[in-house]
Amino acid sequence: MSVSDQEIVSERVLDASAEQVFEAYRDPTRLARWWGPAGFSSTFKEFDFRPGGAWKFTMHGPDGTDYYNESEFVEIEPGKRIVLEHLRPMHRFLMTMTLAEEAGKTRLAWRLRFESVEECERIKQFVVPANEQNLDRLAAELSKMSPVR
């Protein structure tokens, strides 16, 4: 997988089927349980999971700070790919999540593409560990789901 200076890529092999991983994104109740770094919670205002649909939510930091987010789903291919554009307010980027079956598990590639190298470099130091924490929370959520094989 090639990575440009405008991208941050996180990957994880998850002990779940691609359908289970996809469902953990598609279901807003499940998504709200794991979305965000460790210690964060999320309140969803709008979650229209379809191309052109809006996702508006607030992430609540452990220190009490609220972070409003607004995105639009660009592409959704069940069990394979989710693409969204994060529109505001802090950082603008295209997020592409791809799912690939791998020996009974699923490789999730999580790619963030920023508008500039400078923006990517500016936030890389906190986004990389935050993405890993987010993937830890996803793995924990998936461990609660019934096996679908």
N, C-alpha and C. Protein backbone atom coordinates (compact mmCIF):
# COMPACT_ATOMS: atom_id res chain seq x y z
N MET A 1 0.85 -1.17 0.00
CA MET A 1 0.00 0.00 0.00
C MET A 1 0.90 1.23 0.00
N SER A 2 0.77 2.07 -1.01
CA SER A 2 1.61 3.26 -1.04
C SER A 2 0.97 4.37 -0.20
N VAL A 3 1.82 5.14 0.43
CA VAL A 3 1.36 6.21 1.29
C VAL A 3 2.05 7.49 0.85
N SER A 4 1.27 8.55 0.68
CA SER A 4 1.86 9.83 0.30
C SER A 4 2.11 10.66 1.55
N ASP A 5 2.75 11.80 1.38
CA ASP A 5 3.02 12.72 2.48
C ASP A 5 1.75 13.38 3.00
N GLN A 6 0.64 13.19 2.31
CA GLN A 6 -0.64 13.77 2.73
C GLN A 6 -1.54 12.75 3.39
N GLU A 7 -1.00 11.55 3.67
CA GLU A 7 -1.83 10.47 4.20
C GLU A 7 -1.32 9.91 5.52
N ILE A 8 -2.27 9.46 6.30
CA ILE A 8 -1.99 8.68 7.50
C ILE A 8 -2.74 7.37 7.31
N VAL A 9 -2.03 6.25 7.44
CA VAL A 9 -2.66 4.95 7.26
C VAL A 9 -2.44 4.12 8.51
N SER A 10 -3.54 3.56 9.01
CA SER A 10 -3.49 2.63 10.13
C SER A 10 -4.09 1.32 9.63
N GLU A 11 -3.51 0.20 10.04
CA GLU A 11 -4.03 -1.10 9.66
C GLU A 11 -4.12 -1.99 10.89
N ARG A 12 -5.09 -2.88 10.84
CA ARG A 12 -5.25 -3.83 11.93
C ARG A 12 -5.91 -5.08 11.37
N VAL A 13 -5.42 -6.24 11.78
CA VAL A 13 -6.11 -7.49 11.47
C VAL A 13 -7.01 -7.78 12.66
N LEU A 14 -8.30 -7.87 12.38
CA LEU A 14 -9.31 -8.04 13.42
C LEU A 14 -9.85 -9.47 13.40
N ASP A 15 -10.12 -9.99 14.56
CA ASP A 15 -10.63 -11.35 14.70
C ASP A 15 -12.15 -11.35 14.52
N ALA A 16 -12.57 -11.05 13.29
CA ALA A 16 -13.99 -10.97 12.95
C ALA A 16 -14.10 -11.03 11.44
N SER A 17 -15.27 -11.37 10.97
CA SER A 17 -15.50 -11.38 9.52
C SER A 17 -15.64 -9.95 9.01
N ALA A 18 -15.47 -9.78 7.72
CA ALA A 18 -15.65 -8.45 7.12
C ALA A 18 -17.08 -7.95 7.35
N GLU A 19 -18.05 -8.87 7.32
CA GLU A 19 -19.44 -8.48 7.56
C GLU A 19 -19.62 -7.94 8.97
N GLN A 20 -18.97 -8.56 9.96
CA GLN A 20 -19.06 -8.08 11.34
C GLN A 20 -18.41 -6.71 11.49
N VAL A 21 -17.26 -6.53 10.88
CA VAL A 21 -16.58 -5.23 10.97
C VAL A 21 -17.44 -4.16 10.31
N PHE A 22 -17.98 -4.47 9.15
CA PHE A 22 -18.85 -3.53 8.45
C PHE A 22 -20.07 -3.18 9.31
N GLU A 23 -20.67 -4.18 9.94
CA GLU A 23 -21.85 -3.97 10.80
C GLU A 23 -21.51 -3.06 11.98
N ALA A 24 -20.29 -3.18 12.52
CA ALA A 24 -19.88 -2.32 13.64
C ALA A 24 -19.82 -0.86 13.23
N TYR A 25 -19.63 -0.57 11.93
CA TYR A 25 -19.70 0.80 11.41
C TYR A 25 -21.13 1.19 11.08
N ARG A 26 -21.86 0.28 10.44
CA ARG A 26 -23.19 0.58 9.92
C ARG A 26 -24.22 0.84 11.03
N ASP A 27 -24.07 0.15 12.13
CA ASP A 27 -25.02 0.26 13.23
C ASP A 27 -24.60 1.43 14.14
N PRO A 28 -25.38 2.53 14.13
CA PRO A 28 -24.96 3.71 14.91
C PRO A 28 -24.87 3.46 16.41
N THR A 29 -25.65 2.53 16.94
CA THR A 29 -25.57 2.21 18.37
C THR A 29 -24.22 1.59 18.69
N ARG A 30 -23.80 0.65 17.86
CA ARG A 30 -22.48 0.03 18.05
C ARG A 30 -21.37 1.03 17.79
N LEU A 31 -21.50 1.79 16.71
CA LEU A 31 -20.47 2.75 16.35
C LEU A 31 -20.24 3.76 17.47
N ALA A 32 -21.31 4.23 18.09
CA ALA A 32 -21.17 5.20 19.18
C ALA A 32 -20.42 4.61 20.37
N ARG A 33 -20.48 3.29 20.53
CA ARG A 33 -19.79 2.66 21.67
C ARG A 33 -18.27 2.62 21.48
N TRP A 34 -17.78 2.60 20.23
CA TRP A 34 -16.33 2.45 20.05
C TRP A 34 -15.67 3.60 19.31
N TRP A 35 -16.42 4.50 18.72
CA TRP A 35 -15.81 5.54 17.90
C TRP A 35 -15.06 6.56 18.76
N GLY A 36 -13.81 6.80 18.43
CA GLY A 36 -13.00 7.80 19.12
C GLY A 36 -11.89 7.17 19.93
N PRO A 37 -10.92 7.98 20.32
CA PRO A 37 -9.80 7.49 21.13
C PRO A 37 -10.27 7.04 22.52
N ALA A 38 -9.37 6.39 23.25
CA ALA A 38 -9.65 5.93 24.61
C ALA A 38 -10.15 7.09 25.47
N GLY A 39 -11.20 6.83 26.24
CA GLY A 39 -11.75 7.82 27.15
C GLY A 39 -12.78 8.75 26.54
N PHE A 40 -12.97 8.69 25.22
CA PHE A 40 -13.94 9.54 24.54
C PHE A 40 -15.28 8.81 24.42
N SER A 41 -16.34 9.59 24.32
CA SER A 41 -17.66 9.06 23.98
C SER A 41 -18.21 9.93 22.86
N SER A 42 -19.27 9.45 22.22
CA SER A 42 -19.84 10.18 21.09
C SER A 42 -21.35 10.26 21.21
N THR A 43 -21.88 11.40 20.82
CA THR A 43 -23.33 11.59 20.70
C THR A 43 -23.61 11.91 19.25
N PHE A 44 -24.42 11.06 18.61
CA PHE A 44 -24.75 11.24 17.20
C PHE A 44 -26.00 12.08 17.06
N LYS A 45 -25.91 13.11 16.24
CA LYS A 45 -27.06 13.96 15.93
C LYS A 45 -27.74 13.45 14.66
N GLU A 46 -26.93 13.04 13.68
CA GLU A 46 -27.45 12.53 12.41
C GLU A 46 -26.50 11.46 11.90
N PHE A 47 -27.06 10.33 11.45
CA PHE A 47 -26.26 9.25 10.91
C PHE A 47 -27.05 8.62 9.76
N ASP A 48 -26.80 9.11 8.56
CA ASP A 48 -27.50 8.67 7.35
C ASP A 48 -26.50 7.88 6.51
N PHE A 49 -26.43 6.57 6.78
CA PHE A 49 -25.39 5.71 6.23
C PHE A 49 -25.74 5.30 4.80
N ARG A 50 -25.45 6.20 3.88
CA ARG A 50 -25.65 5.98 2.44
C ARG A 50 -24.80 7.01 1.72
N PRO A 51 -24.38 6.74 0.47
CA PRO A 51 -23.63 7.77 -0.27
C PRO A 51 -24.43 9.07 -0.32
N GLY A 52 -23.79 10.16 0.06
CA GLY A 52 -24.44 11.47 0.13
C GLY A 52 -25.06 11.75 1.48
N GLY A 53 -25.11 10.75 2.35
CA GLY A 53 -25.70 10.92 3.67
C GLY A 53 -24.76 11.62 4.64
N ALA A 54 -25.35 12.33 5.59
CA ALA A 54 -24.58 13.09 6.58
C ALA A 54 -24.35 12.29 7.85
N TRP A 55 -23.21 12.55 8.47
CA TRP A 55 -22.89 12.02 9.79
C TRP A 55 -22.44 13.21 10.62
N LYS A 56 -23.31 13.62 11.56
CA LYS A 56 -23.01 14.76 12.44
C LYS A 56 -23.02 14.24 13.87
N PHE A 57 -21.93 14.53 14.58
CA PHE A 57 -21.83 14.04 15.95
C PHE A 57 -20.86 14.89 16.75
N THR A 58 -20.92 14.68 18.05
CA THR A 58 -20.00 15.34 18.97
C THR A 58 -19.24 14.27 19.72
N MET A 59 -17.91 14.39 19.69
CA MET A 59 -17.07 13.53 20.52
C MET A 59 -16.81 14.28 21.82
N HIS A 60 -16.99 13.57 22.93
CA HIS A 60 -16.81 14.16 24.25
C HIS A 60 -15.50 13.64 24.83
N GLY A 61 -14.56 14.55 25.03
CA GLY A 61 -13.25 14.17 25.56
C GLY A 61 -13.31 13.87 27.04
N PRO A 62 -12.35 13.11 27.54
CA PRO A 62 -12.33 12.77 28.96
C PRO A 62 -12.16 13.99 29.87
N ASP A 63 -11.67 15.09 29.30
CA ASP A 63 -11.51 16.33 30.09
C ASP A 63 -12.74 17.22 30.03
N GLY A 64 -13.82 16.73 29.37
CA GLY A 64 -15.06 17.50 29.28
C GLY A 64 -15.17 18.35 28.02
N THR A 65 -14.13 18.38 27.20
CA THR A 65 -14.17 19.16 25.96
C THR A 65 -14.99 18.43 24.91
N ASP A 66 -15.86 19.18 24.22
CA ASP A 66 -16.67 18.62 23.14
C ASP A 66 -16.06 18.98 21.79
N TYR A 67 -16.05 18.01 20.87
CA TYR A 67 -15.49 18.19 19.54
C TYR A 67 -16.57 17.84 18.52
N TYR A 68 -17.17 18.86 17.92
CA TYR A 68 -18.20 18.65 16.91
C TYR A 68 -17.55 18.17 15.62
N ASN A 69 -18.18 17.23 14.95
CA ASN A 69 -17.69 16.68 13.68
C ASN A 69 -18.83 16.59 12.68
N GLU A 70 -18.51 16.86 11.44
CA GLU A 70 -19.50 16.73 10.37
C GLU A 70 -18.82 16.08 9.17
N SER A 71 -19.42 14.98 8.70
CA SER A 71 -18.88 14.25 7.57
C SER A 71 -20.01 13.89 6.61
N GLU A 72 -19.61 13.50 5.40
CA GLU A 72 -20.57 13.01 4.41
C GLU A 72 -20.04 11.70 3.86
N PHE A 73 -20.92 10.70 3.81
CA PHE A 73 -20.53 9.42 3.22
C PHE A 73 -20.44 9.58 1.71
N VAL A 74 -19.35 9.10 1.13
CA VAL A 74 -19.09 9.23 -0.29
C VAL A 74 -19.38 7.92 -1.01
N GLU A 75 -18.91 6.82 -0.43
CA GLU A 75 -19.04 5.51 -1.06
C GLU A 75 -19.21 4.46 0.03
N ILE A 76 -20.11 3.53 -0.20
CA ILE A 76 -20.31 2.43 0.74
C ILE A 76 -20.47 1.15 -0.08
N GLU A 77 -19.59 0.19 0.17
CA GLU A 77 -19.68 -1.11 -0.46
C GLU A 77 -19.71 -2.14 0.66
N PRO A 78 -20.90 -2.67 0.99
CA PRO A 78 -21.05 -3.55 2.15
C PRO A 78 -19.99 -4.64 2.22
N GLY A 79 -19.39 -4.74 3.42
CA GLY A 79 -18.38 -5.75 3.67
C GLY A 79 -17.03 -5.50 3.04
N LYS A 80 -16.88 -4.38 2.31
CA LYS A 80 -15.61 -4.13 1.59
C LYS A 80 -15.02 -2.74 1.79
N ARG A 81 -15.87 -1.69 1.80
CA ARG A 81 -15.30 -0.34 1.73
C ARG A 81 -16.30 0.70 2.23
N ILE A 82 -15.77 1.67 2.97
CA ILE A 82 -16.54 2.85 3.40
C ILE A 82 -15.64 4.06 3.16
N VAL A 83 -16.17 5.04 2.45
CA VAL A 83 -15.43 6.27 2.20
C VAL A 83 -16.29 7.43 2.70
N LEU A 84 -15.67 8.31 3.47
CA LEU A 84 -16.38 9.51 3.92
C LEU A 84 -15.47 10.71 3.83
N GLU A 85 -16.09 11.86 3.67
CA GLU A 85 -15.34 13.11 3.66
C GLU A 85 -15.64 13.85 4.95
N HIS A 86 -14.60 14.07 5.74
CA HIS A 86 -14.75 14.85 6.98
C HIS A 86 -14.71 16.31 6.59
N LEU A 87 -15.82 17.00 6.82
CA LEU A 87 -15.98 18.36 6.31
C LEU A 87 -15.59 19.45 7.28
N ARG A 88 -15.87 19.27 8.55
CA ARG A 88 -15.56 20.33 9.50
C ARG A 88 -15.78 19.84 10.92
N PRO A 89 -15.37 20.65 11.85
CA PRO A 89 -14.83 21.99 11.71
C PRO A 89 -13.31 22.03 11.72
N MET A 90 -12.66 21.03 12.33
CA MET A 90 -11.22 21.16 12.57
C MET A 90 -10.37 20.76 11.37
N HIS A 91 -10.52 19.55 10.93
CA HIS A 91 -9.64 19.01 9.89
C HIS A 91 -10.48 18.50 8.74
N ARG A 92 -10.07 18.81 7.55
CA ARG A 92 -10.75 18.31 6.35
C ARG A 92 -9.90 17.19 5.76
N PHE A 93 -10.54 16.02 5.56
CA PHE A 93 -9.81 14.88 5.01
C PHE A 93 -10.80 13.90 4.40
N LEU A 94 -10.28 13.02 3.57
CA LEU A 94 -11.04 11.91 3.00
C LEU A 94 -10.60 10.67 3.75
N MET A 95 -11.57 9.95 4.31
CA MET A 95 -11.28 8.73 5.06
C MET A 95 -11.78 7.54 4.26
N THR A 96 -10.87 6.62 3.97
CA THR A 96 -11.22 5.40 3.23
C THR A 96 -10.90 4.21 4.11
N MET A 97 -11.91 3.40 4.39
CA MET A 97 -11.75 2.19 5.18
C MET A 97 -11.99 1.00 4.27
N THR A 98 -11.01 0.14 4.12
CA THR A 98 -11.17 -1.05 3.30
C THR A 98 -11.08 -2.29 4.18
N LEU A 99 -11.88 -3.27 3.83
CA LEU A 99 -11.96 -4.52 4.58
C LEU A 99 -11.57 -5.65 3.64
N ALA A 100 -10.66 -6.51 4.09
CA ALA A 100 -10.23 -7.64 3.27
C ALA A 100 -10.15 -8.89 4.14
N GLU A 101 -10.87 -9.94 3.72
CA GLU A 101 -10.81 -11.22 4.44
C GLU A 101 -9.38 -11.76 4.34
N GLU A 102 -8.90 -12.28 5.47
CA GLU A 102 -7.53 -12.78 5.53
C GLU A 102 -7.47 -13.92 6.55
N ALA A 103 -7.45 -15.15 6.06
CA ALA A 103 -7.33 -16.33 6.92
C ALA A 103 -8.38 -16.34 8.03
N GLY A 104 -9.63 -16.08 7.67
CA GLY A 104 -10.72 -16.12 8.63
C GLY A 104 -10.84 -14.87 9.49
N LYS A 105 -10.01 -13.90 9.23
CA LYS A 105 -10.05 -12.63 9.96
C LYS A 105 -10.23 -11.52 8.93
N THR A 106 -10.19 -10.27 9.37
CA THR A 106 -10.36 -9.15 8.45
C THR A 106 -9.26 -8.13 8.65
N ARG A 107 -8.60 -7.78 7.55
CA ARG A 107 -7.62 -6.70 7.59
C ARG A 107 -8.37 -5.41 7.29
N LEU A 108 -8.32 -4.49 8.25
CA LEU A 108 -8.92 -3.17 8.09
C LEU A 108 -7.81 -2.18 7.82
N ALA A 109 -7.89 -1.51 6.68
CA ALA A 109 -6.96 -0.42 6.36
C ALA A 109 -7.76 0.87 6.47
N TRP A 110 -7.22 1.80 7.23
CA TRP A 110 -7.90 3.03 7.58
C TRP A 110 -7.01 4.16 7.06
N ARG A 111 -7.39 4.78 5.96
CA ARG A 111 -6.55 5.77 5.28
C ARG A 111 -7.19 7.16 5.37
N LEU A 112 -6.44 8.12 5.90
CA LEU A 112 -6.86 9.52 5.97
C LEU A 112 -6.01 10.31 4.99
N ARG A 113 -6.66 10.97 4.04
CA ARG A 113 -5.93 11.79 3.06
C ARG A 113 -6.30 13.26 3.28
N PHE A 114 -5.29 14.07 3.61
CA PHE A 114 -5.48 15.48 3.92
C PHE A 114 -5.25 16.34 2.70
N GLU A 115 -5.74 17.57 2.75
CA GLU A 115 -5.62 18.48 1.62
C GLU A 115 -4.20 18.96 1.40
N SER A 116 -3.37 18.91 2.45
CA SER A 116 -1.99 19.39 2.29
C SER A 116 -1.05 18.56 3.15
N VAL A 117 0.21 18.55 2.74
CA VAL A 117 1.26 17.89 3.51
C VAL A 117 1.37 18.55 4.88
N GLU A 118 1.26 19.87 4.92
CA GLU A 118 1.40 20.62 6.17
C GLU A 118 0.33 20.22 7.18
N GLU A 119 -0.91 20.10 6.71
CA GLU A 119 -2.01 19.71 7.61
C GLU A 119 -1.78 18.30 8.13
N CYS A 120 -1.37 17.40 7.27
CA CYS A 120 -1.10 16.03 7.66
C CYS A 120 0.01 15.98 8.72
N GLU A 121 1.09 16.67 8.47
CA GLU A 121 2.22 16.68 9.41
C GLU A 121 1.83 17.31 10.75
N ARG A 122 1.01 18.35 10.69
CA ARG A 122 0.61 19.07 11.90
C ARG A 122 -0.15 18.18 12.87
N ILE A 123 -0.99 17.29 12.36
CA ILE A 123 -1.82 16.51 13.28
C ILE A 123 -1.40 15.04 13.40
N LYS A 124 -0.42 14.63 12.64
CA LYS A 124 0.01 13.23 12.65
C LYS A 124 0.38 12.76 14.06
N GLN A 125 1.05 13.60 14.84
CA GLN A 125 1.53 13.18 16.15
C GLN A 125 0.41 12.75 17.09
N PHE A 126 -0.78 13.33 16.98
CA PHE A 126 -1.86 12.88 17.84
C PHE A 126 -2.84 11.95 17.13
N VAL A 127 -2.94 12.03 15.80
CA VAL A 127 -3.89 11.17 15.08
C VAL A 127 -3.41 9.72 15.05
N VAL A 128 -2.14 9.48 14.88
CA VAL A 128 -1.65 8.10 14.79
C VAL A 128 -1.97 7.33 16.08
N PRO A 129 -1.60 7.82 17.27
CA PRO A 129 -1.97 7.07 18.48
C PRO A 129 -3.48 7.04 18.72
N ALA A 130 -4.19 8.10 18.35
CA ALA A 130 -5.65 8.13 18.51
C ALA A 130 -6.30 7.07 17.64
N ASN A 131 -5.81 6.90 16.41
CA ASN A 131 -6.35 5.86 15.52
C ASN A 131 -6.12 4.47 16.12
N GLU A 132 -4.95 4.24 16.70
CA GLU A 132 -4.67 2.93 17.31
C GLU A 132 -5.62 2.67 18.48
N GLN A 133 -5.88 3.70 19.28
CA GLN A 133 -6.83 3.55 20.39
C GLN A 133 -8.23 3.26 19.86
N ASN A 134 -8.59 3.94 18.79
CA ASN A 134 -9.90 3.71 18.17
C ASN A 134 -10.00 2.27 17.68
N LEU A 135 -8.95 1.76 17.05
CA LEU A 135 -8.96 0.38 16.58
C LEU A 135 -8.99 -0.61 17.74
N ASP A 136 -8.36 -0.27 18.87
CA ASP A 136 -8.45 -1.11 20.08
C ASP A 136 -9.91 -1.20 20.54
N ARG A 137 -10.59 -0.06 20.52
CA ARG A 137 -11.99 -0.03 20.95
C ARG A 137 -12.87 -0.81 19.98
N LEU A 138 -12.58 -0.73 18.67
CA LEU A 138 -13.32 -1.52 17.69
C LEU A 138 -13.11 -3.01 17.95
N ALA A 139 -11.88 -3.43 18.18
CA ALA A 139 -11.59 -4.84 18.45
C ALA A 139 -12.37 -5.33 19.68
N ALA A 140 -12.43 -4.49 20.71
CA ALA A 140 -13.18 -4.86 21.92
C ALA A 140 -14.67 -4.98 21.61
N GLU A 141 -15.21 -4.07 20.81
CA GLU A 141 -16.62 -4.14 20.41
C GLU A 141 -16.89 -5.40 19.60
N LEU A 142 -15.99 -5.73 18.68
CA LEU A 142 -16.17 -6.92 17.85
C LEU A 142 -16.14 -8.20 18.70
N SER A 143 -15.37 -8.20 19.77
CA SER A 143 -15.29 -9.39 20.62
C SER A 143 -16.61 -9.69 21.31
N LYS A 144 -17.51 -8.70 21.39
CA LYS A 144 -18.83 -8.88 22.00
C LYS A 144 -19.87 -9.41 21.01
N MET A 145 -19.55 -9.36 19.73
CA MET A 145 -20.51 -9.77 18.70
C MET A 145 -20.47 -11.28 18.51
N SER A 146 -21.62 -11.83 18.13
CA SER A 146 -21.70 -13.26 17.83
C SER A 146 -20.92 -13.56 16.56
N PRO A 147 -20.23 -14.68 16.51
CA PRO A 147 -19.48 -15.03 15.30
C PRO A 147 -20.42 -15.18 14.10
N VAL A 148 -19.98 -14.66 12.96
CA VAL A 148 -20.71 -14.83 11.70
C VAL A 148 -19.68 -15.36 10.72
N ARG A 149 -19.70 -16.60 10.42
CA ARG A 149 -18.70 -17.19 9.53
C ARG A 149 -19.37 -18.01 8.47
